[in-house]
Amino acid sequence: MWRLLRDRRLSAYKFRRQVPIESYILDFVCFEKRLVIEIDGSQHVKSRRDAVRDAALASEGFAIARYWNNDVLQQPTSVLEDILAKLAGR
């Protein structure tokens, strides 16, 4: 995913990776649009900890987009299209 997002490759949006915010490390963040992108495995299904983290980030004005590892690997174009739609909506 970083290869696809870095150096403003996605419609010139700037992303940072492994960003520390509060007590969390976020996978990817576009500060301009306050969008957090998380790439998750199956251990995150119905994770109470993730719900608490998402609520804390939302209270700071961030939106969170979560994608499964398999989707990123097998359908990167679809994931990027969804990210662009979310960015446009912010």
N, C-alpha and C. Protein backbone atom coordinates (compact mmCIF):
# COMPACT_ATOMS: atom_id res chain seq x y z
N MET A 1 0.83 -1.19 0.00
CA MET A 1 0.00 0.00 0.00
C MET A 1 0.87 1.25 0.00
N TRP A 2 1.95 1.23 0.75
CA TRP A 2 2.80 2.42 0.80
C TRP A 2 3.35 2.77 -0.57
N ARG A 3 3.69 1.77 -1.35
CA ARG A 3 4.18 2.01 -2.71
C ARG A 3 3.15 2.77 -3.55
N LEU A 4 1.88 2.55 -3.29
CA LEU A 4 0.80 3.19 -4.04
C LEU A 4 0.45 4.59 -3.52
N LEU A 5 0.74 4.86 -2.26
CA LEU A 5 0.35 6.12 -1.64
C LEU A 5 1.49 7.14 -1.54
N ARG A 6 2.71 6.67 -1.49
CA ARG A 6 3.83 7.58 -1.21
C ARG A 6 4.09 8.56 -2.34
N ASP A 7 4.82 9.60 -2.01
CA ASP A 7 5.23 10.63 -2.99
C ASP A 7 4.05 11.25 -3.74
N ARG A 8 2.93 11.41 -3.05
CA ARG A 8 1.74 12.04 -3.65
C ARG A 8 1.27 11.32 -4.93
N ARG A 9 1.41 10.00 -4.95
CA ARG A 9 1.03 9.22 -6.14
C ARG A 9 -0.47 9.09 -6.31
N LEU A 10 -1.23 9.28 -5.27
CA LEU A 10 -2.68 9.14 -5.35
C LEU A 10 -3.30 10.54 -5.45
N SER A 11 -3.49 11.01 -6.65
CA SER A 11 -4.11 12.32 -6.93
C SER A 11 -3.47 13.45 -6.14
N ALA A 12 -2.19 13.37 -5.95
CA ALA A 12 -1.38 14.41 -5.28
C ALA A 12 -1.69 14.57 -3.79
N TYR A 13 -2.43 13.65 -3.19
CA TYR A 13 -2.66 13.70 -1.74
C TYR A 13 -1.41 13.21 -1.02
N LYS A 14 -1.04 13.91 0.02
CA LYS A 14 0.14 13.53 0.79
C LYS A 14 -0.27 12.60 1.93
N PHE A 15 0.38 11.46 2.00
CA PHE A 15 0.17 10.50 3.07
C PHE A 15 1.47 10.31 3.84
N ARG A 16 1.32 10.05 5.12
CA ARG A 16 2.43 9.63 5.96
C ARG A 16 2.11 8.25 6.47
N ARG A 17 3.15 7.47 6.76
CA ARG A 17 2.90 6.12 7.27
C ARG A 17 3.48 5.96 8.66
N GLN A 18 2.91 5.00 9.40
CA GLN A 18 3.32 4.71 10.77
C GLN A 18 3.37 5.98 11.61
N VAL A 19 2.24 6.66 11.66
CA VAL A 19 2.14 7.96 12.32
C VAL A 19 1.68 7.77 13.77
N PRO A 20 2.45 8.28 14.73
CA PRO A 20 2.00 8.22 16.12
C PRO A 20 1.03 9.37 16.43
N ILE A 21 -0.15 9.04 16.92
CA ILE A 21 -1.13 10.01 17.38
C ILE A 21 -1.68 9.47 18.69
N GLU A 22 -1.63 10.32 19.71
CA GLU A 22 -1.99 9.91 21.07
C GLU A 22 -1.17 8.66 21.40
N SER A 23 -1.81 7.59 21.81
CA SER A 23 -1.05 6.37 22.14
C SER A 23 -1.17 5.31 21.04
N TYR A 24 -1.47 5.75 19.83
CA TYR A 24 -1.69 4.84 18.71
C TYR A 24 -0.65 5.06 17.62
N ILE A 25 -0.39 4.01 16.87
CA ILE A 25 0.42 4.10 15.65
C ILE A 25 -0.52 3.79 14.50
N LEU A 26 -0.71 4.76 13.63
CA LEU A 26 -1.64 4.63 12.51
C LEU A 26 -0.89 4.20 11.26
N ASP A 27 -1.48 3.31 10.47
CA ASP A 27 -0.81 2.81 9.27
C ASP A 27 -0.49 3.94 8.30
N PHE A 28 -1.53 4.66 7.85
CA PHE A 28 -1.36 5.75 6.88
C PHE A 28 -2.31 6.88 7.24
N VAL A 29 -1.84 8.13 7.08
CA VAL A 29 -2.68 9.29 7.39
C VAL A 29 -2.50 10.35 6.32
N CYS A 30 -3.63 10.89 5.86
CA CYS A 30 -3.65 12.10 5.03
C CYS A 30 -4.16 13.20 5.94
N PHE A 31 -3.25 14.06 6.43
CA PHE A 31 -3.65 15.11 7.36
C PHE A 31 -4.51 16.17 6.69
N GLU A 32 -4.27 16.42 5.41
CA GLU A 32 -5.06 17.42 4.68
C GLU A 32 -6.55 17.11 4.75
N LYS A 33 -6.90 15.84 4.61
CA LYS A 33 -8.31 15.40 4.62
C LYS A 33 -8.69 14.70 5.92
N ARG A 34 -7.73 14.59 6.85
CA ARG A 34 -7.97 13.93 8.15
C ARG A 34 -8.54 12.53 7.96
N LEU A 35 -7.89 11.78 7.07
CA LEU A 35 -8.29 10.41 6.78
C LEU A 35 -7.20 9.44 7.21
N VAL A 36 -7.58 8.47 8.01
CA VAL A 36 -6.68 7.42 8.46
C VAL A 36 -7.01 6.16 7.67
N ILE A 37 -5.99 5.50 7.17
CA ILE A 37 -6.17 4.23 6.46
C ILE A 37 -5.49 3.14 7.27
N GLU A 38 -6.24 2.13 7.61
CA GLU A 38 -5.73 1.00 8.36
C GLU A 38 -5.84 -0.26 7.50
N ILE A 39 -4.76 -1.00 7.44
CA ILE A 39 -4.73 -2.28 6.73
C ILE A 39 -4.70 -3.36 7.80
N ASP A 40 -5.73 -4.19 7.83
CA ASP A 40 -5.91 -5.12 8.94
C ASP A 40 -5.98 -6.57 8.50
N GLY A 41 -5.67 -7.43 9.43
CA GLY A 41 -5.84 -8.87 9.27
C GLY A 41 -7.07 -9.31 10.05
N SER A 42 -7.30 -10.60 10.05
CA SER A 42 -8.52 -11.15 10.66
C SER A 42 -8.58 -10.94 12.17
N GLN A 43 -7.46 -10.67 12.82
CA GLN A 43 -7.48 -10.46 14.27
C GLN A 43 -8.26 -9.19 14.66
N HIS A 44 -8.56 -8.36 13.68
CA HIS A 44 -9.27 -7.11 13.95
C HIS A 44 -10.79 -7.22 13.80
N VAL A 45 -11.29 -8.38 13.47
CA VAL A 45 -12.74 -8.56 13.34
C VAL A 45 -13.38 -8.33 14.70
N LYS A 46 -14.31 -7.40 14.76
CA LYS A 46 -15.04 -7.09 16.00
C LYS A 46 -14.11 -6.79 17.18
N SER A 47 -13.02 -6.10 16.93
CA SER A 47 -12.07 -5.77 17.98
C SER A 47 -12.58 -4.60 18.82
N ARG A 48 -12.77 -4.83 20.09
CA ARG A 48 -13.23 -3.78 21.02
C ARG A 48 -12.17 -2.67 21.09
N ARG A 49 -10.92 -3.06 21.08
CA ARG A 49 -9.83 -2.08 21.15
C ARG A 49 -9.84 -1.15 19.93
N ASP A 50 -10.10 -1.72 18.75
CA ASP A 50 -10.19 -0.90 17.54
C ASP A 50 -11.36 0.08 17.62
N ALA A 51 -12.47 -0.35 18.19
CA ALA A 51 -13.64 0.52 18.32
C ALA A 51 -13.33 1.71 19.22
N VAL A 52 -12.62 1.46 20.31
CA VAL A 52 -12.23 2.53 21.23
C VAL A 52 -11.28 3.49 20.53
N ARG A 53 -10.32 2.94 19.82
CA ARG A 53 -9.34 3.75 19.08
C ARG A 53 -10.04 4.60 18.01
N ASP A 54 -10.95 3.99 17.25
CA ASP A 54 -11.68 4.72 16.21
C ASP A 54 -12.49 5.88 16.81
N ALA A 55 -13.10 5.64 17.95
CA ALA A 55 -13.88 6.70 18.61
C ALA A 55 -12.97 7.84 19.05
N ALA A 56 -11.80 7.51 19.59
CA ALA A 56 -10.85 8.54 20.02
C ALA A 56 -10.37 9.36 18.82
N LEU A 57 -10.09 8.70 17.71
CA LEU A 57 -9.64 9.41 16.51
C LEU A 57 -10.77 10.25 15.91
N ALA A 58 -11.98 9.72 15.92
CA ALA A 58 -13.13 10.47 15.40
C ALA A 58 -13.36 11.74 16.22
N SER A 59 -13.13 11.66 17.52
CA SER A 59 -13.31 12.85 18.36
C SER A 59 -12.27 13.93 18.03
N GLU A 60 -11.18 13.53 17.36
CA GLU A 60 -10.14 14.47 16.91
C GLU A 60 -10.38 14.92 15.46
N GLY A 61 -11.50 14.45 14.87
CA GLY A 61 -11.85 14.88 13.52
C GLY A 61 -11.36 13.98 12.40
N PHE A 62 -10.86 12.79 12.74
CA PHE A 62 -10.37 11.87 11.73
C PHE A 62 -11.47 10.89 11.32
N ALA A 63 -11.47 10.52 10.05
CA ALA A 63 -12.29 9.41 9.56
C ALA A 63 -11.35 8.23 9.39
N ILE A 64 -11.84 7.03 9.61
CA ILE A 64 -11.01 5.83 9.52
C ILE A 64 -11.55 4.94 8.41
N ALA A 65 -10.66 4.54 7.52
CA ALA A 65 -11.01 3.59 6.46
C ALA A 65 -10.19 2.33 6.70
N ARG A 66 -10.87 1.20 6.82
CA ARG A 66 -10.19 -0.07 7.07
C ARG A 66 -10.32 -0.98 5.86
N TYR A 67 -9.22 -1.63 5.53
CA TYR A 67 -9.18 -2.57 4.42
C TYR A 67 -8.48 -3.84 4.88
N TRP A 68 -8.95 -4.96 4.37
CA TRP A 68 -8.33 -6.24 4.69
C TRP A 68 -7.04 -6.40 3.90
N ASN A 69 -6.08 -7.08 4.49
CA ASN A 69 -4.81 -7.38 3.83
C ASN A 69 -5.04 -7.99 2.46
N ASN A 70 -5.93 -8.97 2.39
CA ASN A 70 -6.17 -9.68 1.12
C ASN A 70 -6.70 -8.74 0.05
N ASP A 71 -7.56 -7.81 0.42
CA ASP A 71 -8.10 -6.87 -0.56
C ASP A 71 -6.99 -5.98 -1.13
N VAL A 72 -6.10 -5.54 -0.27
CA VAL A 72 -4.99 -4.70 -0.73
C VAL A 72 -4.10 -5.47 -1.69
N LEU A 73 -3.85 -6.73 -1.39
CA LEU A 73 -2.97 -7.54 -2.23
C LEU A 73 -3.64 -8.00 -3.52
N GLN A 74 -4.92 -8.33 -3.46
CA GLN A 74 -5.59 -8.92 -4.62
C GLN A 74 -6.39 -7.91 -5.45
N GLN A 75 -6.81 -6.81 -4.84
CA GLN A 75 -7.64 -5.83 -5.54
C GLN A 75 -7.17 -4.40 -5.24
N PRO A 76 -5.91 -4.10 -5.46
CA PRO A 76 -5.40 -2.77 -5.10
C PRO A 76 -6.12 -1.63 -5.82
N THR A 77 -6.53 -1.83 -7.05
CA THR A 77 -7.23 -0.77 -7.79
C THR A 77 -8.55 -0.43 -7.12
N SER A 78 -9.29 -1.43 -6.70
CA SER A 78 -10.57 -1.20 -6.01
C SER A 78 -10.36 -0.47 -4.69
N VAL A 79 -9.32 -0.84 -3.97
CA VAL A 79 -9.02 -0.17 -2.70
C VAL A 79 -8.67 1.29 -2.95
N LEU A 80 -7.84 1.55 -3.95
CA LEU A 80 -7.47 2.93 -4.26
C LEU A 80 -8.67 3.76 -4.71
N GLU A 81 -9.56 3.17 -5.48
CA GLU A 81 -10.77 3.89 -5.90
C GLU A 81 -11.63 4.24 -4.70
N ASP A 82 -11.72 3.32 -3.74
CA ASP A 82 -12.50 3.59 -2.54
C ASP A 82 -11.84 4.68 -1.70
N ILE A 83 -10.52 4.67 -1.59
CA ILE A 83 -9.80 5.71 -0.85
C ILE A 83 -10.04 7.07 -1.52
N LEU A 84 -9.96 7.12 -2.85
CA LEU A 84 -10.21 8.38 -3.55
C LEU A 84 -11.62 8.90 -3.29
N ALA A 85 -12.59 8.01 -3.28
CA ALA A 85 -13.97 8.42 -3.00
C ALA A 85 -14.09 8.98 -1.59
N LYS A 86 -13.42 8.36 -0.65
CA LYS A 86 -13.46 8.85 0.74
C LYS A 86 -12.76 10.20 0.85
N LEU A 87 -11.64 10.36 0.17
CA LEU A 87 -10.93 11.64 0.18
C LEU A 87 -11.80 12.75 -0.43
N ALA A 88 -12.47 12.44 -1.52
CA ALA A 88 -13.33 13.43 -2.19
C ALA A 88 -14.50 13.83 -1.30
N GLY A 89 -14.96 12.91 -0.48
CA GLY A 89 -16.08 13.19 0.41
C GLY A 89 -15.72 13.94 1.67
N ARG A 90 -14.45 14.16 1.90
CA ARG A 90 -14.02 14.86 3.13
C ARG A 90 -13.86 16.31 2.87
